[in-house]
Amino acid sequence: MTYIRYGFWAVVGLCLIAVGLANRAPTELSAMPRALADALGLSPTVTLPLFVLLFLGVGLGLLIGFLWEWIREYKERAASRAKDRELAALRREIASLKDEKHEGQDEVLALLDKAG
């Protein structure tokens, strides 16, 4: 199974390298339209290879998706924590009830009864 995983990631890596080599042309990325930038006297542009912009876009999309999903699952995580707290309280109650049941008995018999 490990070799299949390594093979899969090797293929993904080769595909990413191929995309990078095919999209090496420099591309100018502007934060605002040129007319607005000239009017404001700002020129927020950067020149990067196209594959960098593609990979940054995919990475940013994944990051936003993971964050969105984490926020969406908040209710499920809160419900799970509440169930865990309830389960721990019930286990403590069971242990205390078993201790009350065996109160006053011989310790060896109480231990055997608890184990069984």
PDB file of N, CA and C in Angstrom:
ATOM      1  N   MET A   1       0.823  -1.193   0.000  1.00  0.00           N
ATOM      2  CA  MET A   1       0.000   0.000   0.000  1.00  0.00           C
ATOM      3  C   MET A   1       0.869   1.260   0.000  1.00  0.00           C
ATOM      4  N   THR A   2       2.001   1.195   0.692  1.00  0.00           N
ATOM      5  CA  THR A   2       2.891   2.352   0.754  1.00  0.00           C
ATOM      6  C   THR A   2       3.452   2.669  -0.626  1.00  0.00           C
ATOM      7  N   TYR A   3       3.783   1.642  -1.397  1.00  0.00           N
ATOM      8  CA  TYR A   3       4.335   1.871  -2.727  1.00  0.00           C
ATOM      9  C   TYR A   3       3.303   2.512  -3.648  1.00  0.00           C
ATOM     10  N   ILE A   4       2.049   2.135  -3.483  1.00  0.00           N
ATOM     11  CA  ILE A   4       0.991   2.747  -4.291  1.00  0.00           C
ATOM     12  C   ILE A   4       0.884   4.234  -3.957  1.00  0.00           C
ATOM     13  N   ARG A   5       0.963   4.564  -2.676  1.00  0.00           N
ATOM     14  CA  ARG A   5       0.895   5.964  -2.254  1.00  0.00           C
ATOM     15  C   ARG A   5       2.084   6.741  -2.824  1.00  0.00           C
ATOM     16  N   TYR A   6       3.279   6.175  -2.720  1.00  0.00           N
ATOM     17  CA  TYR A   6       4.463   6.844  -3.271  1.00  0.00           C
ATOM     18  C   TYR A   6       4.340   7.013  -4.780  1.00  0.00           C
ATOM     19  N   GLY A   7       3.836   5.995  -5.444  1.00  0.00           N
ATOM     20  CA  GLY A   7       3.639   6.084  -6.888  1.00  0.00           C
ATOM     21  C   GLY A   7       2.641   7.167  -7.263  1.00  0.00           C
ATOM     22  N   PHE A   8       1.554   7.245  -6.509  1.00  0.00           N
ATOM     23  CA  PHE A   8       0.545   8.274  -6.765  1.00  0.00           C
ATOM     24  C   PHE A   8       1.143   9.666  -6.623  1.00  0.00           C
ATOM     25  N   TRP A   9       1.877   9.898  -5.531  1.00  0.00           N
ATOM     26  CA  TRP A   9       2.450  11.227  -5.312  1.00  0.00           C
ATOM     27  C   TRP A   9       3.564  11.529  -6.310  1.00  0.00           C
ATOM     28  N   ALA A  10       4.248  10.505  -6.796  1.00  0.00           N
ATOM     29  CA  ALA A  10       5.255  10.725  -7.836  1.00  0.00           C
ATOM     30  C   ALA A  10       4.583  11.188  -9.128  1.00  0.00           C
ATOM     31  N   VAL A  11       3.456  10.577  -9.476  1.00  0.00           N
ATOM     32  CA  VAL A  11       2.717  10.989 -10.675  1.00  0.00           C
ATOM     33  C   VAL A  11       2.191  12.415 -10.508  1.00  0.00           C
ATOM     34  N   VAL A  12       1.651  12.728  -9.337  1.00  0.00           N
ATOM     35  CA  VAL A  12       1.165  14.092  -9.082  1.00  0.00           C
ATOM     36  C   VAL A  12       2.318  15.090  -9.201  1.00  0.00           C
ATOM     37  N   GLY A  13       3.466  14.756  -8.628  1.00  0.00           N
ATOM     38  CA  GLY A  13       4.629  15.638  -8.714  1.00  0.00           C
ATOM     39  C   GLY A  13       5.086  15.844 -10.146  1.00  0.00           C
ATOM     40  N   LEU A  14       5.115  14.765 -10.929  1.00  0.00           N
ATOM     41  CA  LEU A  14       5.506  14.893 -12.337  1.00  0.00           C
ATOM     42  C   LEU A  14       4.520  15.763 -13.107  1.00  0.00           C
ATOM     43  N   CYS A  15       3.234  15.620 -12.814  1.00  0.00           N
ATOM     44  CA  CYS A  15       2.230  16.465 -13.475  1.00  0.00           C
ATOM     45  C   CYS A  15       2.423  17.934 -13.108  1.00  0.00           C
ATOM     46  N   LEU A  16       2.711  18.203 -11.847  1.00  0.00           N
ATOM     47  CA  LEU A  16       2.940  19.590 -11.428  1.00  0.00           C
ATOM     48  C   LEU A  16       4.193  20.165 -12.081  1.00  0.00           C
ATOM     49  N   ILE A  17       5.229  19.359 -12.201  1.00  0.00           N
ATOM     50  CA  ILE A  17       6.454  19.807 -12.874  1.00  0.00           C
ATOM     51  C   ILE A  17       6.170  20.090 -14.345  1.00  0.00           C
ATOM     52  N   ALA A  18       5.380  19.216 -14.986  1.00  0.00           N
ATOM     53  CA  ALA A  18       5.034  19.431 -16.394  1.00  0.00           C
ATOM     54  C   ALA A  18       4.230  20.721 -16.569  1.00  0.00           C
ATOM     55  N   VAL A  19       3.277  20.970 -15.671  1.00  0.00           N
ATOM     56  CA  VAL A  19       2.494  22.214 -15.743  1.00  0.00           C
ATOM     57  C   VAL A  19       3.406  23.418 -15.534  1.00  0.00           C
ATOM     58  N   GLY A  20       4.327  23.311 -14.597  1.00  0.00           N
ATOM     59  CA  GLY A  20       5.257  24.411 -14.342  1.00  0.00           C
ATOM     60  C   GLY A  20       6.147  24.702 -15.531  1.00  0.00           C
ATOM     61  N   LEU A  21       6.657  23.660 -16.167  1.00  0.00           N
ATOM     62  CA  LEU A  21       7.530  23.859 -17.329  1.00  0.00           C
ATOM     63  C   LEU A  21       6.757  24.408 -18.523  1.00  0.00           C
ATOM     64  N   ALA A  22       5.495  24.026 -18.659  1.00  0.00           N
ATOM     65  CA  ALA A  22       4.690  24.496 -19.786  1.00  0.00           C
ATOM     66  C   ALA A  22       4.212  25.935 -19.593  1.00  0.00           C
ATOM     67  N   ASN A  23       4.226  26.440 -18.370  1.00  0.00           N
ATOM     68  CA  ASN A  23       3.687  27.778 -18.083  1.00  0.00           C
ATOM     69  C   ASN A  23       4.731  28.661 -17.407  1.00  0.00           C
ATOM     70  N   ARG A  24       5.911  28.756 -18.040  1.00  0.00           N
ATOM     71  CA  ARG A  24       6.995  29.553 -17.462  1.00  0.00           C
ATOM     72  C   ARG A  24       6.936  31.016 -17.862  1.00  0.00           C
ATOM     73  N   ALA A  25       6.084  31.372 -18.785  1.00  0.00           N
ATOM     74  CA  ALA A  25       6.051  32.746 -19.300  1.00  0.00           C
ATOM     75  C   ALA A  25       5.716  33.731 -18.185  1.00  0.00           C
ATOM     76  N   PRO A  26       6.461  34.849 -18.125  1.00  0.00           N
ATOM     77  CA  PRO A  26       6.153  35.843 -17.088  1.00  0.00           C
ATOM     78  C   PRO A  26       4.794  36.492 -17.342  1.00  0.00           C
ATOM     79  N   THR A  27       4.055  36.654 -16.285  1.00  0.00           N
ATOM     80  CA  THR A  27       2.716  37.233 -16.360  1.00  0.00           C
ATOM     81  C   THR A  27       2.627  38.368 -15.353  1.00  0.00           C
ATOM     82  N   GLU A  28       2.042  39.472 -15.793  1.00  0.00           N
ATOM     83  CA  GLU A  28       1.905  40.630 -14.907  1.00  0.00           C
ATOM     84  C   GLU A  28       0.561  40.543 -14.187  1.00  0.00           C
ATOM     85  N   LEU A  29       0.617  40.611 -12.875  1.00  0.00           N
ATOM     86  CA  LEU A  29      -0.587  40.565 -12.048  1.00  0.00           C
ATOM     87  C   LEU A  29      -0.805  41.953 -11.461  1.00  0.00           C
ATOM     88  N   SER A  30      -1.959  42.549 -11.763  1.00  0.00           N
ATOM     89  CA  SER A  30      -2.278  43.893 -11.274  1.00  0.00           C
ATOM     90  C   SER A  30      -3.373  43.797 -10.221  1.00  0.00           C
ATOM     91  N   ALA A  31      -3.245  44.600  -9.172  1.00  0.00           N
ATOM     92  CA  ALA A  31      -4.234  44.596  -8.102  1.00  0.00           C
ATOM     93  C   ALA A  31      -5.431  45.477  -8.433  1.00  0.00           C
ATOM     94  N   MET A  32      -5.273  46.389  -9.388  1.00  0.00           N
ATOM     95  CA  MET A  32      -6.376  47.269  -9.787  1.00  0.00           C
ATOM     96  C   MET A  32      -6.211  47.622 -11.258  1.00  0.00           C
ATOM     97  N   PRO A  33      -7.284  48.079 -11.904  1.00  0.00           N
ATOM     98  CA  PRO A  33      -7.183  48.451 -13.322  1.00  0.00           C
ATOM     99  C   PRO A  33      -6.153  49.563 -13.536  1.00  0.00           C
ATOM    100  N   ARG A  34      -5.531  49.563 -14.718  1.00  0.00           N
ATOM    101  CA  ARG A  34      -4.447  50.507 -14.998  1.00  0.00           C
ATOM    102  C   ARG A  34      -4.925  51.965 -14.912  1.00  0.00           C
ATOM    103  N   ALA A  35      -6.137  52.259 -15.381  1.00  0.00           N
ATOM    104  CA  ALA A  35      -6.641  53.638 -15.339  1.00  0.00           C
ATOM    105  C   ALA A  35      -6.784  54.112 -13.897  1.00  0.00           C
ATOM    106  N   LEU A  36      -7.292  53.268 -13.035  1.00  0.00           N
ATOM    107  CA  LEU A  36      -7.440  53.626 -11.622  1.00  0.00           C
ATOM    108  C   LEU A  36      -6.077  53.755 -10.950  1.00  0.00           C
ATOM    109  N   ALA A  37      -5.161  52.860 -11.290  1.00  0.00           N
ATOM    110  CA  ALA A  37      -3.811  52.923 -10.719  1.00  0.00           C
ATOM    111  C   ALA A  37      -3.109  54.210 -11.135  1.00  0.00           C
ATOM    112  N   ASP A  38      -3.282  54.626 -12.404  1.00  0.00           N
ATOM    113  CA  ASP A  38      -2.670  55.877 -12.866  1.00  0.00           C
ATOM    114  C   ASP A  38      -3.305  57.078 -12.177  1.00  0.00           C
ATOM    115  N   ALA A  39      -4.625  57.053 -11.973  1.00  0.00           N
ATOM    116  CA  ALA A  39      -5.315  58.176 -11.331  1.00  0.00           C
ATOM    117  C   ALA A  39      -4.891  58.320  -9.872  1.00  0.00           C
ATOM    118  N   LEU A  40      -4.672  57.211  -9.192  1.00  0.00           N
ATOM    119  CA  LEU A  40      -4.279  57.251  -7.786  1.00  0.00           C
ATOM    120  C   LEU A  40      -2.776  57.386  -7.596  1.00  0.00           C
ATOM    121  N   GLY A  41      -2.039  57.171  -8.643  1.00  0.00           N
ATOM    122  CA  GLY A  41      -0.587  57.244  -8.536  1.00  0.00           C
ATOM    123  C   GLY A  41       0.020  55.986  -7.936  1.00  0.00           C
ATOM    124  N   LEU A  42      -0.750  54.933  -7.891  1.00  0.00           N
ATOM    125  CA  LEU A  42      -0.263  53.649  -7.374  1.00  0.00           C
ATOM    126  C   LEU A  42      -0.103  52.680  -8.526  1.00  0.00           C
ATOM    127  N   SER A  43       0.823  51.794  -8.391  1.00  0.00           N
ATOM    128  CA  SER A  43       1.004  50.776  -9.419  1.00  0.00           C
ATOM    129  C   SER A  43       1.283  49.437  -8.757  1.00  0.00           C
ATOM    130  N   PRO A  44       0.273  48.864  -8.110  1.00  0.00           N
ATOM    131  CA  PRO A  44       0.499  47.580  -7.438  1.00  0.00           C
ATOM    132  C   PRO A  44       0.474  46.412  -8.427  1.00  0.00           C
ATOM    133  N   THR A  45       1.581  46.207  -9.117  1.00  0.00           N
ATOM    134  CA  THR A  45       1.694  45.082 -10.044  1.00  0.00           C
ATOM    135  C   THR A  45       2.916  44.258  -9.677  1.00  0.00           C
ATOM    136  N   VAL A  46       2.836  42.995 -10.022  1.00  0.00           N
ATOM    137  CA  VAL A  46       3.952  42.088  -9.801  1.00  0.00           C
ATOM    138  C   VAL A  46       4.026  41.158 -11.012  1.00  0.00           C
ATOM    139  N   THR A  47       5.227  40.829 -11.413  1.00  0.00           N
ATOM    140  CA  THR A  47       5.430  39.937 -12.549  1.00  0.00           C
ATOM    141  C   THR A  47       5.944  38.600 -12.034  1.00  0.00           C
ATOM    142  N   LEU A  48       5.179  37.568 -12.310  1.00  0.00           N
ATOM    143  CA  LEU A  48       5.501  36.210 -11.862  1.00  0.00           C
ATOM    144  C   LEU A  48       5.296  35.238 -13.009  1.00  0.00           C
ATOM    145  N   PRO A  49       5.958  34.091 -12.966  1.00  0.00           N
ATOM    146  CA  PRO A  49       5.647  33.056 -13.953  1.00  0.00           C
ATOM    147  C   PRO A  49       4.200  32.579 -13.772  1.00  0.00           C
ATOM    148  N   LEU A  50       3.586  32.197 -14.867  1.00  0.00           N
ATOM    149  CA  LEU A  50       2.176  31.813 -14.830  1.00  0.00           C
ATOM    150  C   LEU A  50       1.938  30.622 -13.910  1.00  0.00           C
ATOM    151  N   PHE A  51       2.862  29.658 -13.867  1.00  0.00           N
ATOM    152  CA  PHE A  51       2.638  28.483 -13.027  1.00  0.00           C
ATOM    153  C   PHE A  51       2.600  28.849 -11.548  1.00  0.00           C
ATOM    154  N   VAL A  52       3.349  29.890 -11.149  1.00  0.00           N
ATOM    155  CA  VAL A  52       3.304  30.335  -9.747  1.00  0.00           C
ATOM    156  C   VAL A  52       1.914  30.862  -9.428  1.00  0.00           C
ATOM    157  N   LEU A  53       1.358  31.651 -10.347  1.00  0.00           N
ATOM    158  CA  LEU A  53       0.009  32.175 -10.132  1.00  0.00           C
ATOM    159  C   LEU A  53      -1.021  31.050 -10.090  1.00  0.00           C
ATOM    160  N   LEU A  54      -0.857  30.055 -10.961  1.00  0.00           N
ATOM    161  CA  LEU A  54      -1.779  28.913 -10.954  1.00  0.00           C
ATOM    162  C   LEU A  54      -1.702  28.156  -9.630  1.00  0.00           C
ATOM    163  N   PHE A  55      -0.486  27.862  -9.178  1.00  0.00           N
ATOM    164  CA  PHE A  55      -0.321  27.107  -7.931  1.00  0.00           C
ATOM    165  C   PHE A  55      -0.798  27.914  -6.729  1.00  0.00           C
ATOM    166  N   LEU A  56      -0.553  29.227  -6.738  1.00  0.00           N
ATOM    167  CA  LEU A  56      -1.048  30.069  -5.648  1.00  0.00           C
ATOM    168  C   LEU A  56      -2.572  30.097  -5.626  1.00  0.00           C
ATOM    169  N   GLY A  57      -3.181  30.145  -6.799  1.00  0.00           N
ATOM    170  CA  GLY A  57      -4.645  30.131  -6.874  1.00  0.00           C
ATOM    171  C   GLY A  57      -5.230  28.834  -6.353  1.00  0.00           C
ATOM    172  N   VAL A  58      -4.630  27.717  -6.743  1.00  0.00           N
ATOM    173  CA  VAL A  58      -5.103  26.414  -6.254  1.00  0.00           C
ATOM    174  C   VAL A  58      -4.889  26.305  -4.747  1.00  0.00           C
ATOM    175  N   GLY A  59      -3.720  26.720  -4.277  1.00  0.00           N
ATOM    176  CA  GLY A  59      -3.435  26.661  -2.839  1.00  0.00           C
ATOM    177  C   GLY A  59      -4.374  27.539  -2.030  1.00  0.00           C
ATOM    178  N   LEU A  60      -4.636  28.751  -2.522  1.00  0.00           N
ATOM    179  CA  LEU A  60      -5.555  29.650  -1.825  1.00  0.00           C
ATOM    180  C   LEU A  60      -6.972  29.079  -1.819  1.00  0.00           C
ATOM    181  N   GLY A  61      -7.370  28.481  -2.928  1.00  0.00           N
ATOM    182  CA  GLY A  61      -8.693  27.847  -2.984  1.00  0.00           C
ATOM    183  C   GLY A  61      -8.817  26.701  -1.998  1.00  0.00           C
ATOM    184  N   LEU A  62      -7.776  25.888  -1.894  1.00  0.00           N
ATOM    185  CA  LEU A  62      -7.793  24.794  -0.919  1.00  0.00           C
ATOM    186  C   LEU A  62      -7.850  25.324   0.506  1.00  0.00           C
ATOM    187  N   LEU A  63      -7.070  26.351   0.789  1.00  0.00           N
ATOM    188  CA  LEU A  63      -7.059  26.934   2.129  1.00  0.00           C
ATOM    189  C   LEU A  63      -8.430  27.499   2.503  1.00  0.00           C
ATOM    190  N   ILE A  64      -9.050  28.219   1.590  1.00  0.00           N
ATOM    191  CA  ILE A  64     -10.382  28.767   1.850  1.00  0.00           C
ATOM    192  C   ILE A  64     -11.392  27.639   2.033  1.00  0.00           C
ATOM    193  N   GLY A  65     -11.296  26.596   1.224  1.00  0.00           N
ATOM    194  CA  GLY A  65     -12.210  25.462   1.355  1.00  0.00           C
ATOM    195  C   GLY A  65     -12.056  24.741   2.680  1.00  0.00           C
ATOM    196  N   PHE A  66     -10.814  24.512   3.102  1.00  0.00           N
ATOM    197  CA  PHE A  66     -10.587  23.855   4.396  1.00  0.00           C
ATOM    198  C   PHE A  66     -11.120  24.707   5.536  1.00  0.00           C
ATOM    199  N   LEU A  67     -10.890  26.015   5.488  1.00  0.00           N
ATOM    200  CA  LEU A  67     -11.376  26.917   6.534  1.00  0.00           C
ATOM    201  C   LEU A  67     -12.904  26.939   6.561  1.00  0.00           C
ATOM    202  N   TRP A  68     -13.517  27.008   5.400  1.00  0.00           N
ATOM    203  CA  TRP A  68     -14.974  27.012   5.300  1.00  0.00           C
ATOM    204  C   TRP A  68     -15.547  25.731   5.904  1.00  0.00           C
ATOM    205  N   GLU A  69     -14.967  24.607   5.573  1.00  0.00           N
ATOM    206  CA  GLU A  69     -15.450  23.318   6.088  1.00  0.00           C
ATOM    207  C   GLU A  69     -15.251  23.230   7.599  1.00  0.00           C
ATOM    208  N   TRP A  70     -14.126  23.717   8.108  1.00  0.00           N
ATOM    209  CA  TRP A  70     -13.867  23.690   9.547  1.00  0.00           C
ATOM    210  C   TRP A  70     -14.913  24.523  10.289  1.00  0.00           C
ATOM    211  N   ILE A  71     -15.248  25.692   9.736  1.00  0.00           N
ATOM    212  CA  ILE A  71     -16.270  26.538  10.350  1.00  0.00           C
ATOM    213  C   ILE A  71     -17.637  25.857  10.262  1.00  0.00           C
ATOM    214  N   ARG A  72     -17.939  25.227   9.136  1.00  0.00           N
ATOM    215  CA  ARG A  72     -19.229  24.573   8.950  1.00  0.00           C
ATOM    216  C   ARG A  72     -19.423  23.413   9.922  1.00  0.00           C
ATOM    217  N   GLU A  73     -18.352  22.715  10.277  1.00  0.00           N
ATOM    218  CA  GLU A  73     -18.444  21.545  11.148  1.00  0.00           C
ATOM    219  C   GLU A  73     -18.423  21.895  12.631  1.00  0.00           C
ATOM    220  N   TYR A  74     -18.504  23.172  12.988  1.00  0.00           N
ATOM    221  CA  TYR A  74     -18.435  23.571  14.396  1.00  0.00           C
ATOM    222  C   TYR A  74     -19.539  22.910  15.219  1.00  0.00           C
ATOM    223  N   LYS A  75     -20.759  22.870  14.694  1.00  0.00           N
ATOM    224  CA  LYS A  75     -21.879  22.289  15.442  1.00  0.00           C
ATOM    225  C   LYS A  75     -21.636  20.809  15.737  1.00  0.00           C
ATOM    226  N   GLU A  76     -21.109  20.080  14.761  1.00  0.00           N
ATOM    227  CA  GLU A  76     -20.845  18.659  14.969  1.00  0.00           C
ATOM    228  C   GLU A  76     -19.757  18.446  16.015  1.00  0.00           C
ATOM    229  N   ARG A  77     -18.714  19.271  15.982  1.00  0.00           N
ATOM    230  CA  ARG A  77     -17.648  19.140  16.976  1.00  0.00           C
ATOM    231  C   ARG A  77     -18.153  19.474  18.369  1.00  0.00           C
ATOM    232  N   ALA A  78     -19.002  20.492  18.490  1.00  0.00           N
ATOM    233  CA  ALA A  78     -19.552  20.866  19.797  1.00  0.00           C
ATOM    234  C   ALA A  78     -20.451  19.756  20.331  1.00  0.00           C
ATOM    235  N   ALA A  79     -21.264  19.157  19.472  1.00  0.00           N
ATOM    236  CA  ALA A  79     -22.132  18.063  19.905  1.00  0.00           C
ATOM    237  C   ALA A  79     -21.299  16.860  20.342  1.00  0.00           C
ATOM    238  N   SER A  80     -20.221  16.590  19.641  1.00  0.00           N
ATOM    239  CA  SER A  80     -19.348  15.469  20.008  1.00  0.00           C
ATOM    240  C   SER A  80     -18.693  15.701  21.363  1.00  0.00           C
ATOM    241  N   ARG A  81     -18.241  16.934  21.610  1.00  0.00           N
ATOM    242  CA  ARG A  81     -17.654  17.241  22.921  1.00  0.00           C
ATOM    243  C   ARG A  81     -18.683  17.077  24.027  1.00  0.00           C
ATOM    244  N   ALA A  82     -19.930  17.496  23.777  1.00  0.00           N
ATOM    245  CA  ALA A  82     -20.982  17.355  24.791  1.00  0.00           C
ATOM    246  C   ALA A  82     -21.252  15.882  25.071  1.00  0.00           C
ATOM    247  N   LYS A  83     -21.291  15.059  24.037  1.00  0.00           N
ATOM    248  CA  LYS A  83     -21.507  13.613  24.226  1.00  0.00           C
ATOM    249  C   LYS A  83     -20.345  12.996  24.993  1.00  0.00           C
ATOM    250  N   ASP A  84     -19.121  13.435  24.704  1.00  0.00           N
ATOM    251  CA  ASP A  84     -17.955  12.919  25.432  1.00  0.00           C
ATOM    252  C   ASP A  84     -18.028  13.268  26.912  1.00  0.00           C
ATOM    253  N   ARG A  85     -18.444  14.506  27.217  1.00  0.00           N
ATOM    254  CA  ARG A  85     -18.587  14.902  28.623  1.00  0.00           C
ATOM    255  C   ARG A  85     -19.673  14.078  29.308  1.00  0.00           C
ATOM    256  N   GLU A  86     -20.789  13.859  28.610  1.00  0.00           N
ATOM    257  CA  GLU A  86     -21.878  13.062  29.177  1.00  0.00           C
ATOM    258  C   GLU A  86     -21.425  11.625  29.415  1.00  0.00           C
ATOM    259  N   LEU A  87     -20.679  11.061  28.482  1.00  0.00           N
ATOM    260  CA  LEU A  87     -20.183   9.698  28.625  1.00  0.00           C
ATOM    261  C   LEU A  87     -19.232   9.586  29.808  1.00  0.00           C
ATOM    262  N   ALA A  88     -18.355  10.562  29.976  1.00  0.00           N
ATOM    263  CA  ALA A  88     -17.426  10.542  31.112  1.00  0.00           C
ATOM    264  C   ALA A  88     -18.185  10.637  32.428  1.00  0.00           C
ATOM    265  N   ALA A  89     -19.227  11.466  32.482  1.00  0.00           N
ATOM    266  CA  ALA A  89     -20.027  11.587  33.708  1.00  0.00           C
ATOM    267  C   ALA A  89     -20.743  10.280  34.018  1.00  0.00           C
ATOM    268  N   LEU A  90     -21.273   9.629  33.000  1.00  0.00           N
ATOM    269  CA  LEU A  90     -21.961   8.350  33.217  1.00  0.00           C
ATOM    270  C   LEU A  90     -20.988   7.269  33.679  1.00  0.00           C
ATOM    271  N   ARG A  91     -19.784   7.274  33.134  1.00  0.00           N
ATOM    272  CA  ARG A  91     -18.789   6.286  33.583  1.00  0.00           C
ATOM    273  C   ARG A  91     -18.404   6.524  35.043  1.00  0.00           C
ATOM    274  N   ARG A  92     -18.261   7.796  35.422  1.00  0.00           N
ATOM    275  CA  ARG A  92     -17.975   8.096  36.831  1.00  0.00           C
ATOM    276  C   ARG A  92     -19.127   7.641  37.724  1.00  0.00           C
ATOM    277  N   GLU A  93     -20.356   7.847  37.265  1.00  0.00           N
ATOM    278  CA  GLU A  93     -21.524   7.431  38.048  1.00  0.00           C
ATOM    279  C   GLU A  93     -21.568   5.913  38.195  1.00  0.00           C
ATOM    280  N   ILE A  94     -21.264   5.190  37.138  1.00  0.00           N
ATOM    281  CA  ILE A  94     -21.239   3.723  37.206  1.00  0.00           C
ATOM    282  C   ILE A  94     -20.185   3.263  38.197  1.00  0.00           C
ATOM    283  N   ALA A  95     -19.012   3.878  38.149  1.00  0.00           N
ATOM    284  CA  ALA A  95     -17.944   3.498  39.080  1.00  0.00           C
ATOM    285  C   ALA A  95     -18.359   3.768  40.520  1.00  0.00           C
ATOM    286  N   SER A  96     -19.011   4.907  40.767  1.00  0.00           N
ATOM    287  CA  SER A  96     -19.428   5.203  42.145  1.00  0.00           C
ATOM    288  C   SER A  96     -20.529   4.256  42.598  1.00  0.00           C
ATOM    289  N   LEU A  97     -21.431   3.871  41.704  1.00  0.00           N
ATOM    290  CA  LEU A  97     -22.487   2.919  42.068  1.00  0.00           C
ATOM    291  C   LEU A  97     -21.904   1.540  42.369  1.00  0.00           C
ATOM    292  N   LYS A  98     -20.887   1.144  41.606  1.00  0.00           N
ATOM    293  CA  LYS A  98     -20.239  -0.141  41.892  1.00  0.00           C
ATOM    294  C   LYS A  98     -19.536  -0.092  43.238  1.00  0.00           C
ATOM    295  N   ASP A  99     -18.916   1.045  43.552  1.00  0.00           N
ATOM    296  CA  ASP A  99     -18.257   1.178  44.855  1.00  0.00           C
ATOM    297  C   ASP A  99     -19.279   1.108  45.983  1.00  0.00           C
ATOM    298  N   GLU A 100     -20.441   1.740  45.801  1.00  0.00           N
ATOM    299  CA  GLU A 100     -21.490   1.687  46.828  1.00  0.00           C
ATOM    300  C   GLU A 100     -22.023   0.266  46.998  1.00  0.00           C
ATOM    301  N   LYS A 101     -22.131  -0.460  45.909  1.00  0.00           N
ATOM    302  CA  LYS A 101     -22.660  -1.824  45.959  1.00  0.00           C
ATOM    303  C   LYS A 101     -21.736  -2.730  46.765  1.00  0.00           C
ATOM    304  N   HIS A 102     -20.438  -2.524  46.627  1.00  0.00           N
ATOM    305  CA  HIS A 102     -19.472  -3.402  47.282  1.00  0.00           C
ATOM    306  C   HIS A 102     -18.991  -2.851  48.617  1.00  0.00           C
ATOM    307  N   GLU A 103     -19.621  -1.812  49.094  1.00  0.00           N
ATOM    308  CA  GLU A 103     -19.223  -1.222  50.369  1.00  0.00           C
ATOM    309  C   GLU A 103     -19.538  -2.202  51.500  1.00  0.00           C
ATOM    310  N   GLY A 104     -18.569  -2.432  52.350  1.00  0.00           N
ATOM    311  CA  GLY A 104     -18.758  -3.331  53.484  1.00  0.00           C
ATOM    312  C   GLY A 104     -18.451  -4.787  53.174  1.00  0.00           C
ATOM    313  N   GLN A 105     -18.188  -5.125  51.914  1.00  0.00           N
ATOM    314  CA  GLN A 105     -17.842  -6.504  51.562  1.00  0.00           C
ATOM    315  C   GLN A 105     -16.338  -6.698  51.698  1.00  0.00           C
ATOM    316  N   ASP A 106     -15.946  -7.944  51.621  1.00  0.00           N
ATOM    317  CA  ASP A 106     -14.526  -8.268  51.622  1.00  0.00           C
ATOM    318  C   ASP A 106     -13.899  -7.668  50.355  1.00  0.00           C
ATOM    319  N   GLU A 107     -12.692  -7.126  50.470  1.00  0.00           N
ATOM    320  CA  GLU A 107     -12.046  -6.455  49.345  1.00  0.00           C
ATOM    321  C   GLU A 107     -11.787  -7.402  48.183  1.00  0.00           C
ATOM    322  N   VAL A 108     -11.403  -8.620  48.481  1.00  0.00           N
ATOM    323  CA  VAL A 108     -11.115  -9.592  47.425  1.00  0.00           C
ATOM    324  C   VAL A 108     -12.388  -9.924  46.662  1.00  0.00           C
ATOM    325  N   LEU A 109     -13.482 -10.150  47.370  1.00  0.00           N
ATOM    326  CA  LEU A 109     -14.748 -10.449  46.701  1.00  0.00           C
ATOM    327  C   LEU A 109     -15.235  -9.246  45.885  1.00  0.00           C
ATOM    328  N   ALA A 110     -15.026  -8.048  46.409  1.00  0.00           N
ATOM    329  CA  ALA A 110     -15.428  -6.848  45.679  1.00  0.00           C
ATOM    330  C   ALA A 110     -14.623  -6.705  44.393  1.00  0.00           C
ATOM    331  N   LEU A 111     -13.319  -6.975  44.452  1.00  0.00           N
ATOM    332  CA  LEU A 111     -12.480  -6.896  43.250  1.00  0.00           C
ATOM    333  C   LEU A 111     -12.894  -7.936  42.218  1.00  0.00           C
ATOM    334  N   LEU A 112     -13.188  -9.142  42.681  1.00  0.00           N
ATOM    335  CA  LEU A 112     -13.626 -10.191  41.759  1.00  0.00           C
ATOM    336  C   LEU A 112     -14.965  -9.835  41.130  1.00  0.00           C
ATOM    337  N   ASP A 113     -15.853  -9.240  41.899  1.00  0.00           N
ATOM    338  CA  ASP A 113     -17.160  -8.863  41.380  1.00  0.00           C
ATOM    339  C   ASP A 113     -17.039  -7.715  40.375  1.00  0.00           C
ATOM    340  N   LYS A 114     -16.125  -6.779  40.635  1.00  0.00           N
ATOM    341  CA  LYS A 114     -15.906  -5.670  39.707  1.00  0.00           C
ATOM    342  C   LYS A 114     -15.322  -6.167  38.387  1.00  0.00           C
ATOM    343  N   ALA A 115     -14.401  -7.120  38.464  1.00  0.00           N
ATOM    344  CA  ALA A 115     -13.745  -7.632  37.259  1.00  0.00           C
ATOM    345  C   ALA A 115     -14.719  -8.433  36.407  1.00  0.00           C
ATOM    346  N   GLY A 116     -15.647  -9.090  37.019  1.00  0.00           N
ATOM    347  CA  GLY A 116     -16.574  -9.963  36.290  1.00  0.00           C
ATOM    348  C   GLY A 116     -17.772  -9.238  35.903  1.00  0.00           C
TER     349      GLY A 116
END
